[in-house]
Amino acid sequence: MKKNELRNLLNSLFLVGFLVALILYLTMPENRTPFLVVCFISMAIKIAEYIVRYFR
């Protein structure tokens, strides 16, 4: 897989995770755990994209 394809895939996954996290945040105000889990996973994906961009 080429570097740009991998970055595009990781960015797409991050955006989907962001949207899911936003929906969870707005629809589940009494329980923030699912929001936090999805948010942290999305952030890890974004960090992985950053690493690919600068170190590969």
Protein backbone atom coordinates (compact mmCIF):
# COMPACT_ATOMS: atom_id res chain seq x y z
CA MET A 1 0.00 0.00 0.00
CA LYS A 2 1.35 3.39 -0.96
CA LYS A 3 1.94 6.10 1.62
CA ASN A 4 -0.85 8.35 0.32
CA GLU A 5 -3.35 5.50 0.19
CA LEU A 6 -2.55 4.56 3.79
CA ARG A 7 -2.85 8.17 4.92
CA ASN A 8 -6.20 8.53 3.14
CA LEU A 9 -7.48 5.34 4.76
CA LEU A 10 -6.38 6.45 8.22
CA ASN A 11 -7.90 9.91 7.72
CA SER A 12 -11.18 8.36 6.58
CA LEU A 13 -11.27 6.09 9.63
CA PHE A 14 -10.54 9.08 11.86
CA LEU A 15 -13.40 11.08 10.36
CA VAL A 16 -15.85 8.20 10.76
CA GLY A 17 -14.72 7.76 14.36
CA PHE A 18 -15.15 11.48 14.97
CA LEU A 19 -18.71 11.40 13.65
CA VAL A 20 -19.57 8.34 15.76
CA ALA A 21 -18.05 10.00 18.83
CA LEU A 22 -20.05 13.17 18.19
CA ILE A 23 -23.29 11.20 17.83
CA LEU A 24 -22.55 9.27 21.03
CA TYR A 25 -21.79 12.49 22.88
CA LEU A 26 -25.05 14.09 21.83
CA THR A 27 -27.30 11.06 22.29
CA MET A 28 -25.94 9.57 25.52
CA PRO A 29 -25.46 12.41 28.02
CA GLU A 30 -25.84 10.11 31.04
CA ASN A 31 -23.05 7.71 30.01
CA ARG A 32 -19.89 9.16 28.49
CA THR A 33 -17.85 5.94 28.46
CA PRO A 34 -18.71 4.89 24.86
CA PHE A 35 -17.92 8.41 23.68
CA LEU A 36 -14.55 8.37 25.41
CA VAL A 37 -13.63 4.95 24.02
CA VAL A 38 -14.47 5.93 20.43
CA CYS A 39 -12.81 9.31 20.85
CA PHE A 40 -9.55 7.80 22.14
CA ILE A 41 -9.50 5.21 19.35
CA SER A 42 -10.02 7.97 16.79
CA MET A 43 -7.19 9.97 18.31
CA ALA A 44 -4.89 6.93 18.15
CA ILE A 45 -5.73 6.55 14.46
CA LYS A 46 -4.91 10.22 13.86
CA ILE A 47 -1.59 9.84 15.70
CA ALA A 48 -0.81 6.81 13.52
CA GLU A 49 -1.50 8.93 10.43
CA TYR A 50 0.85 11.60 11.76
CA ILE A 51 3.58 9.01 12.28
CA VAL A 52 3.11 7.67 8.75
CA ARG A 53 3.28 11.18 7.34
CA TYR A 54 6.56 12.12 9.02
CA PHE A 55 8.44 8.88 9.46
CA ARG A 56 7.69 6.78 6.41
